Amino acid sequence: MINIAAEDPMAEDVRAEMVAQVLDVVVHVGDAVHEGDTLVLLESMKMEIPVLSEFDGTVSAVNVTKGDVIQQGDLIAVIS
């Protein structure tokens, strides 16, 4: 996998903060996002947890799909 964040100094990784299952991927590569937009919806301990963009930009990579189980620190997406 290409590390877009390493190639683009303006790119930011979005990483999992906990072990969870991906319920829905809201964004796609090329989508414009703003701070506070939902990128992915996770489920952990029977709670739905939105993963929000922390800044404005364009989605340059999405590394998860619906149904994936992700670990803390896993790369979810990259925003440029």
PDB file of N, CA and C in Angstrom:
ATOM      1  N   MET A   1       0.841  -1.175   0.000  1.00  0.00           N
ATOM      2  CA  MET A   1       0.000   0.000   0.000  1.00  0.00           C
ATOM      3  C   MET A   1       0.890   1.244   0.000  1.00  0.00           C
ATOM      4  N   ILE A   2       0.514   2.234  -0.747  1.00  0.00           N
ATOM      5  CA  ILE A   2       1.256   3.490  -0.818  1.00  0.00           C
ATOM      6  C   ILE A   2       0.929   4.335   0.406  1.00  0.00           C
ATOM      7  N   ASN A   3       1.942   4.935   0.996  1.00  0.00           N
ATOM      8  CA  ASN A   3       1.725   5.820   2.140  1.00  0.00           C
ATOM      9  C   ASN A   3       1.545   7.236   1.612  1.00  0.00           C
ATOM     10  N   ILE A   4       0.306   7.621   1.376  1.00  0.00           N
ATOM     11  CA  ILE A   4      -0.004   8.932   0.808  1.00  0.00           C
ATOM     12  C   ILE A   4       0.437  10.044   1.743  1.00  0.00           C
ATOM     13  N   ALA A   5       0.261   9.855   3.033  1.00  0.00           N
ATOM     14  CA  ALA A   5       0.642  10.894   3.994  1.00  0.00           C
ATOM     15  C   ALA A   5       2.136  11.175   3.931  1.00  0.00           C
ATOM     16  N   ALA A   6       2.946  10.161   3.648  1.00  0.00           N
ATOM     17  CA  ALA A   6       4.392  10.370   3.546  1.00  0.00           C
ATOM     18  C   ALA A   6       4.742  11.121   2.270  1.00  0.00           C
ATOM     19  N   GLU A   7       3.973  10.915   1.203  1.00  0.00           N
ATOM     20  CA  GLU A   7       4.244  11.573  -0.070  1.00  0.00           C
ATOM     21  C   GLU A   7       3.709  12.999  -0.103  1.00  0.00           C
ATOM     22  N   ASP A   8       2.651  13.271   0.594  1.00  0.00           N
ATOM     23  CA  ASP A   8       2.012  14.583   0.607  1.00  0.00           C
ATOM     24  C   ASP A   8       2.090  15.147   2.024  1.00  0.00           C
ATOM     25  N   PRO A   9       2.932  16.158   2.240  1.00  0.00           N
ATOM     26  CA  PRO A   9       3.082  16.688   3.598  1.00  0.00           C
ATOM     27  C   PRO A   9       1.796  17.301   4.157  1.00  0.00           C
ATOM     28  N   MET A  10       0.820  17.592   3.311  1.00  0.00           N
ATOM     29  CA  MET A  10      -0.450  18.154   3.771  1.00  0.00           C
ATOM     30  C   MET A  10      -1.462  17.055   4.123  1.00  0.00           C
ATOM     31  N   ALA A  11      -1.141  15.791   3.822  1.00  0.00           N
ATOM     32  CA  ALA A  11      -2.063  14.685   4.090  1.00  0.00           C
ATOM     33  C   ALA A  11      -2.036  14.310   5.566  1.00  0.00           C
ATOM     34  N   GLU A  12      -3.192  13.908   6.073  1.00  0.00           N
ATOM     35  CA  GLU A  12      -3.323  13.503   7.474  1.00  0.00           C
ATOM     36  C   GLU A  12      -3.972  12.125   7.549  1.00  0.00           C
ATOM     37  N   ASP A  13      -3.372  11.242   8.324  1.00  0.00           N
ATOM     38  CA  ASP A  13      -3.945   9.922   8.556  1.00  0.00           C
ATOM     39  C   ASP A  13      -5.108  10.019   9.540  1.00  0.00           C
ATOM     40  N   VAL A  14      -6.144   9.234   9.292  1.00  0.00           N
ATOM     41  CA  VAL A  14      -7.242   9.071  10.241  1.00  0.00           C
ATOM     42  C   VAL A  14      -7.128   7.636  10.747  1.00  0.00           C
ATOM     43  N   ARG A  15      -6.879   7.471  12.044  1.00  0.00           N
ATOM     44  CA  ARG A  15      -6.623   6.150  12.622  1.00  0.00           C
ATOM     45  C   ARG A  15      -7.696   5.782  13.647  1.00  0.00           C
ATOM     46  N   ALA A  16      -7.873   4.482  13.821  1.00  0.00           N
ATOM     47  CA  ALA A  16      -8.851   3.971  14.784  1.00  0.00           C
ATOM     48  C   ALA A  16      -8.384   4.251  16.204  1.00  0.00           C
ATOM     49  N   GLU A  17      -9.302   4.704  17.026  1.00  0.00           N
ATOM     50  CA  GLU A  17      -8.989   4.971  18.428  1.00  0.00           C
ATOM     51  C   GLU A  17      -9.294   3.771  19.317  1.00  0.00           C
ATOM     52  N   MET A  18      -9.954   2.739  18.746  1.00  0.00           N
ATOM     53  CA  MET A  18     -10.334   1.562  19.532  1.00  0.00           C
ATOM     54  C   MET A  18     -10.587   0.392  18.596  1.00  0.00           C
ATOM     55  N   VAL A  19     -10.695  -0.795  19.158  1.00  0.00           N
ATOM     56  CA  VAL A  19     -11.113  -1.967  18.401  1.00  0.00           C
ATOM     57  C   VAL A  19     -12.599  -1.809  18.103  1.00  0.00           C
ATOM     58  N   ALA A  20     -12.979  -2.012  16.839  1.00  0.00           N
ATOM     59  CA  ALA A  20     -14.378  -1.816  16.451  1.00  0.00           C
ATOM     60  C   ALA A  20     -14.655  -2.527  15.137  1.00  0.00           C
ATOM     61  N   GLN A  21     -15.933  -2.637  14.810  1.00  0.00           N
ATOM     62  CA  GLN A  21     -16.356  -3.146  13.515  1.00  0.00           C
ATOM     63  C   GLN A  21     -16.871  -1.977  12.690  1.00  0.00           C
ATOM     64  N   VAL A  22     -16.541  -1.969  11.401  1.00  0.00           N
ATOM     65  CA  VAL A  22     -16.992  -0.909  10.501  1.00  0.00           C
ATOM     66  C   VAL A  22     -18.440  -1.193  10.105  1.00  0.00           C
ATOM     67  N   LEU A  23     -19.347  -0.296  10.510  1.00  0.00           N
ATOM     68  CA  LEU A  23     -20.764  -0.423  10.155  1.00  0.00           C
ATOM     69  C   LEU A  23     -21.052   0.171   8.788  1.00  0.00           C
ATOM     70  N   ASP A  24     -20.394   1.295   8.475  1.00  0.00           N
ATOM     71  CA  ASP A  24     -20.652   1.978   7.208  1.00  0.00           C
ATOM     72  C   ASP A  24     -19.473   2.869   6.863  1.00  0.00           C
ATOM     73  N   VAL A  25     -19.148   2.920   5.582  1.00  0.00           N
ATOM     74  CA  VAL A  25     -18.136   3.852   5.073  1.00  0.00           C
ATOM     75  C   VAL A  25     -18.906   4.943   4.349  1.00  0.00           C
ATOM     76  N   VAL A  26     -18.868   6.146   4.897  1.00  0.00           N
ATOM     77  CA  VAL A  26     -19.690   7.249   4.403  1.00  0.00           C
ATOM     78  C   VAL A  26     -19.028   7.963   3.231  1.00  0.00           C
ATOM     79  N   VAL A  27     -17.705   8.036   3.228  1.00  0.00           N
ATOM     80  CA  VAL A  27     -16.985   8.787   2.198  1.00  0.00           C
ATOM     81  C   VAL A  27     -16.285   7.848   1.223  1.00  0.00           C
ATOM     82  N   HIS A  28     -15.913   8.423   0.080  1.00  0.00           N
ATOM     83  CA  HIS A  28     -15.181   7.698  -0.955  1.00  0.00           C
ATOM     84  C   HIS A  28     -13.991   8.547  -1.383  1.00  0.00           C
ATOM     85  N   VAL A  29     -13.010   7.907  -1.998  1.00  0.00           N
ATOM     86  CA  VAL A  29     -11.846   8.634  -2.502  1.00  0.00           C
ATOM     87  C   VAL A  29     -12.324   9.731  -3.450  1.00  0.00           C
ATOM     88  N   GLY A  30     -11.788  10.933  -3.250  1.00  0.00           N
ATOM     89  CA  GLY A  30     -12.149  12.080  -4.077  1.00  0.00           C
ATOM     90  C   GLY A  30     -13.200  12.979  -3.459  1.00  0.00           C
ATOM     91  N   ASP A  31     -13.878  12.500  -2.425  1.00  0.00           N
ATOM     92  CA  ASP A  31     -14.899  13.321  -1.758  1.00  0.00           C
ATOM     93  C   ASP A  31     -14.252  14.480  -1.010  1.00  0.00           C
ATOM     94  N   ALA A  32     -14.879  15.645  -1.082  1.00  0.00           N
ATOM     95  CA  ALA A  32     -14.458  16.788  -0.264  1.00  0.00           C
ATOM     96  C   ALA A  32     -15.112  16.640   1.101  1.00  0.00           C
ATOM     97  N   VAL A  33     -14.332  16.864   2.159  1.00  0.00           N
ATOM     98  CA  VAL A  33     -14.866  16.786   3.519  1.00  0.00           C
ATOM     99  C   VAL A  33     -14.509  18.052   4.278  1.00  0.00           C
ATOM    100  N   HIS A  34     -15.325  18.347   5.269  1.00  0.00           N
ATOM    101  CA  HIS A  34     -15.097  19.500   6.134  1.00  0.00           C
ATOM    102  C   HIS A  34     -14.939  19.011   7.565  1.00  0.00           C
ATOM    103  N   GLU A  35     -14.312  19.821   8.383  1.00  0.00           N
ATOM    104  CA  GLU A  35     -14.150  19.480   9.788  1.00  0.00           C
ATOM    105  C   GLU A  35     -15.510  19.122  10.388  1.00  0.00           C
ATOM    106  N   GLY A  36     -15.585  17.980  11.046  1.00  0.00           N
ATOM    107  CA  GLY A  36     -16.827  17.532  11.667  1.00  0.00           C
ATOM    108  C   GLY A  36     -17.658  16.585  10.825  1.00  0.00           C
ATOM    109  N   ASP A  37     -17.318  16.429   9.536  1.00  0.00           N
ATOM    110  CA  ASP A  37     -18.049  15.482   8.688  1.00  0.00           C
ATOM    111  C   ASP A  37     -17.763  14.046   9.126  1.00  0.00           C
ATOM    112  N   THR A  38     -18.774  13.186   9.041  1.00  0.00           N
ATOM    113  CA  THR A  38     -18.594  11.772   9.358  1.00  0.00           C
ATOM    114  C   THR A  38     -17.910  11.076   8.187  1.00  0.00           C
ATOM    115  N   LEU A  39     -16.836  10.348   8.489  1.00  0.00           N
ATOM    116  CA  LEU A  39     -16.097   9.592   7.482  1.00  0.00           C
ATOM    117  C   LEU A  39     -16.541   8.130   7.468  1.00  0.00           C
ATOM    118  N   VAL A  40     -16.614   7.548   8.659  1.00  0.00           N
ATOM    119  CA  VAL A  40     -16.916   6.128   8.833  1.00  0.00           C
ATOM    120  C   VAL A  40     -17.751   5.987  10.102  1.00  0.00           C
ATOM    121  N   LEU A  41     -18.628   5.008  10.110  1.00  0.00           N
ATOM    122  CA  LEU A  41     -19.412   4.708  11.302  1.00  0.00           C
ATOM    123  C   LEU A  41     -18.935   3.365  11.849  1.00  0.00           C
ATOM    124  N   LEU A  42     -18.519   3.362  13.120  1.00  0.00           N
ATOM    125  CA  LEU A  42     -18.012   2.156  13.771  1.00  0.00           C
ATOM    126  C   LEU A  42     -19.002   1.666  14.815  1.00  0.00           C
ATOM    127  N   GLU A  43     -18.854   0.384  15.197  1.00  0.00           N
ATOM    128  CA  GLU A  43     -19.636  -0.181  16.290  1.00  0.00           C
ATOM    129  C   GLU A  43     -18.673  -0.869  17.239  1.00  0.00           C
ATOM    130  N   SER A  44     -18.771  -0.492  18.503  1.00  0.00           N
ATOM    131  CA  SER A  44     -17.950  -1.109  19.537  1.00  0.00           C
ATOM    132  C   SER A  44     -18.774  -1.168  20.814  1.00  0.00           C
ATOM    133  N   MET A  45     -18.800  -2.326  21.441  1.00  0.00           N
ATOM    134  CA  MET A  45     -19.552  -2.514  22.687  1.00  0.00           C
ATOM    135  C   MET A  45     -21.012  -2.077  22.521  1.00  0.00           C
ATOM    136  N   LYS A  46     -21.586  -2.422  21.357  1.00  0.00           N
ATOM    137  CA  LYS A  46     -22.991  -2.147  21.029  1.00  0.00           C
ATOM    138  C   LYS A  46     -23.320  -0.661  20.929  1.00  0.00           C
ATOM    139  N   MET A  47     -22.288   0.167  20.743  1.00  0.00           N
ATOM    140  CA  MET A  47     -22.500   1.606  20.540  1.00  0.00           C
ATOM    141  C   MET A  47     -22.029   1.979  19.141  1.00  0.00           C
ATOM    142  N   GLU A  48     -22.783   2.855  18.465  1.00  0.00           N
ATOM    143  CA  GLU A  48     -22.361   3.390  17.177  1.00  0.00           C
ATOM    144  C   GLU A  48     -21.490   4.612  17.422  1.00  0.00           C
ATOM    145  N   ILE A  49     -20.327   4.626  16.773  1.00  0.00           N
ATOM    146  CA  ILE A  49     -19.356   5.693  16.992  1.00  0.00           C
ATOM    147  C   ILE A  49     -18.956   6.279  15.638  1.00  0.00           C
ATOM    148  N   PRO A  50     -19.300   7.541  15.379  1.00  0.00           N
ATOM    149  CA  PRO A  50     -18.862   8.153  14.123  1.00  0.00           C
ATOM    150  C   PRO A  50     -17.391   8.556  14.212  1.00  0.00           C
ATOM    151  N   VAL A  51     -16.666   8.341  13.118  1.00  0.00           N
ATOM    152  CA  VAL A  51     -15.297   8.846  13.005  1.00  0.00           C
ATOM    153  C   VAL A  51     -15.405  10.128  12.197  1.00  0.00           C
ATOM    154  N   LEU A  52     -15.038  11.248  12.812  1.00  0.00           N
ATOM    155  CA  LEU A  52     -15.224  12.560  12.204  1.00  0.00           C
ATOM    156  C   LEU A  52     -13.922  13.100  11.642  1.00  0.00           C
ATOM    157  N   SER A  53     -14.034  13.866  10.559  1.00  0.00           N
ATOM    158  CA  SER A  53     -12.871  14.558  10.013  1.00  0.00           C
ATOM    159  C   SER A  53     -12.472  15.674  10.967  1.00  0.00           C
ATOM    160  N   GLU A  54     -11.186  15.799  11.203  1.00  0.00           N
ATOM    161  CA  GLU A  54     -10.701  16.848  12.099  1.00  0.00           C
ATOM    162  C   GLU A  54     -10.299  18.109  11.343  1.00  0.00           C
ATOM    163  N   PHE A  55     -10.432  18.086  10.003  1.00  0.00           N
ATOM    164  CA  PHE A  55     -10.043  19.245   9.203  1.00  0.00           C
ATOM    165  C   PHE A  55     -10.702  19.162   7.837  1.00  0.00           C
ATOM    166  N   ASP A  56     -10.625  20.241   7.074  1.00  0.00           N
ATOM    167  CA  ASP A  56     -11.141  20.284   5.708  1.00  0.00           C
ATOM    168  C   ASP A  56     -10.130  19.643   4.765  1.00  0.00           C
ATOM    169  N   GLY A  57     -10.620  19.009   3.703  1.00  0.00           N
ATOM    170  CA  GLY A  57      -9.717  18.434   2.714  1.00  0.00           C
ATOM    171  C   GLY A  57     -10.450  17.515   1.765  1.00  0.00           C
ATOM    172  N   THR A  58      -9.673  16.687   1.078  1.00  0.00           N
ATOM    173  CA  THR A  58     -10.196  15.721   0.119  1.00  0.00           C
ATOM    174  C   THR A  58      -9.759  14.327   0.548  1.00  0.00           C
ATOM    175  N   VAL A  59     -10.666  13.375   0.489  1.00  0.00           N
ATOM    176  CA  VAL A  59     -10.333  11.996   0.850  1.00  0.00           C
ATOM    177  C   VAL A  59      -9.416  11.434  -0.233  1.00  0.00           C
ATOM    178  N   SER A  60      -8.192  11.080   0.149  1.00  0.00           N
ATOM    179  CA  SER A  60      -7.250  10.538  -0.829  1.00  0.00           C
ATOM    180  C   SER A  60      -7.080   9.030  -0.703  1.00  0.00           C
ATOM    181  N   ALA A  61      -7.559   8.435   0.388  1.00  0.00           N
ATOM    182  CA  ALA A  61      -7.536   6.975   0.544  1.00  0.00           C
ATOM    183  C   ALA A  61      -8.562   6.571   1.592  1.00  0.00           C
ATOM    184  N   VAL A  62      -9.204   5.439   1.343  1.00  0.00           N
ATOM    185  CA  VAL A  62     -10.091   4.817   2.330  1.00  0.00           C
ATOM    186  C   VAL A  62      -9.594   3.383   2.480  1.00  0.00           C
ATOM    187  N   ASN A  63      -9.213   3.001   3.686  1.00  0.00           N
ATOM    188  CA  ASN A  63      -8.550   1.723   3.901  1.00  0.00           C
ATOM    189  C   ASN A  63      -9.425   0.688   4.599  1.00  0.00           C
ATOM    190  N   VAL A  64     -10.715   0.955   4.747  1.00  0.00           N
ATOM    191  CA  VAL A  64     -11.625   0.009   5.391  1.00  0.00           C
ATOM    192  C   VAL A  64     -12.862  -0.185   4.526  1.00  0.00           C
ATOM    193  N   THR A  65     -13.531  -1.314   4.747  1.00  0.00           N
ATOM    194  CA  THR A  65     -14.803  -1.579   4.083  1.00  0.00           C
ATOM    195  C   THR A  65     -15.808  -2.034   5.140  1.00  0.00           C
ATOM    196  N   LYS A  66     -17.065  -1.954   4.789  1.00  0.00           N
ATOM    197  CA  LYS A  66     -18.137  -2.362   5.700  1.00  0.00           C
ATOM    198  C   LYS A  66     -17.892  -3.797   6.161  1.00  0.00           C
ATOM    199  N   GLY A  67     -17.998  -4.012   7.469  1.00  0.00           N
ATOM    200  CA  GLY A  67     -17.814  -5.345   8.031  1.00  0.00           C
ATOM    201  C   GLY A  67     -16.421  -5.626   8.558  1.00  0.00           C
ATOM    202  N   ASP A  68     -15.446  -4.797   8.185  1.00  0.00           N
ATOM    203  CA  ASP A  68     -14.079  -4.987   8.689  1.00  0.00           C
ATOM    204  C   ASP A  68     -14.045  -4.840  10.205  1.00  0.00           C
ATOM    205  N   VAL A  69     -13.185  -5.612  10.839  1.00  0.00           N
ATOM    206  CA  VAL A  69     -12.883  -5.420  12.255  1.00  0.00           C
ATOM    207  C   VAL A  69     -11.520  -4.752  12.305  1.00  0.00           C
ATOM    208  N   ILE A  70     -11.469  -3.585  12.929  1.00  0.00           N
ATOM    209  CA  ILE A  70     -10.227  -2.821  12.974  1.00  0.00           C
ATOM    210  C   ILE A  70      -9.695  -2.772  14.401  1.00  0.00           C
ATOM    211  N   GLN A  71      -8.388  -2.636  14.488  1.00  0.00           N
ATOM    212  CA  GLN A  71      -7.697  -2.573  15.771  1.00  0.00           C
ATOM    213  C   GLN A  71      -7.312  -1.129  16.069  1.00  0.00           C
ATOM    214  N   GLN A  72      -7.074  -0.839  17.318  1.00  0.00           N
ATOM    215  CA  GLN A  72      -6.625   0.500  17.698  1.00  0.00           C
ATOM    216  C   GLN A  72      -5.362   0.836  16.914  1.00  0.00           C
ATOM    217  N   GLY A  73      -5.357   2.014  16.298  1.00  0.00           N
ATOM    218  CA  GLY A  73      -4.208   2.475  15.529  1.00  0.00           C
ATOM    219  C   GLY A  73      -4.253   2.138  14.052  1.00  0.00           C
ATOM    220  N   ASP A  74      -5.197   1.289  13.623  1.00  0.00           N
ATOM    221  CA  ASP A  74      -5.310   0.956  12.200  1.00  0.00           C
ATOM    222  C   ASP A  74      -5.663   2.198  11.391  1.00  0.00           C
ATOM    223  N   LEU A  75      -5.109   2.272  10.182  1.00  0.00           N
ATOM    224  CA  LEU A  75      -5.390   3.385   9.276  1.00  0.00           C
ATOM    225  C   LEU A  75      -6.785   3.215   8.679  1.00  0.00           C
ATOM    226  N   ILE A  76      -7.635   4.222   8.879  1.00  0.00           N
ATOM    227  CA  ILE A  76      -8.994   4.206   8.342  1.00  0.00           C
ATOM    228  C   ILE A  76      -9.042   4.934   7.005  1.00  0.00           C
ATOM    229  N   ALA A  77      -8.466   6.127   6.959  1.00  0.00           N
ATOM    230  CA  ALA A  77      -8.513   6.948   5.746  1.00  0.00           C
ATOM    231  C   ALA A  77      -7.381   7.965   5.783  1.00  0.00           C
ATOM    232  N   VAL A  78      -7.174   8.604   4.633  1.00  0.00           N
ATOM    233  CA  VAL A  78      -6.200   9.690   4.528  1.00  0.00           C
ATOM    234  C   VAL A  78      -6.916  10.882   3.910  1.00  0.00           C
ATOM    235  N   ILE A  79      -6.735  12.048   4.531  1.00  0.00           N
ATOM    236  CA  ILE A  79      -7.325  13.294   4.043  1.00  0.00           C
ATOM    237  C   ILE A  79      -6.190  14.206   3.611  1.00  0.00           C
ATOM    238  N   SER A  80      -6.277  14.736   2.382  1.00  0.00           N
ATOM    239  CA  SER A  80      -5.251  15.659   1.871  1.00  0.00           C
ATOM    240  C   SER A  80      -5.813  17.055   1.794  1.00  0.00           C
TER     241      SER A  80
END
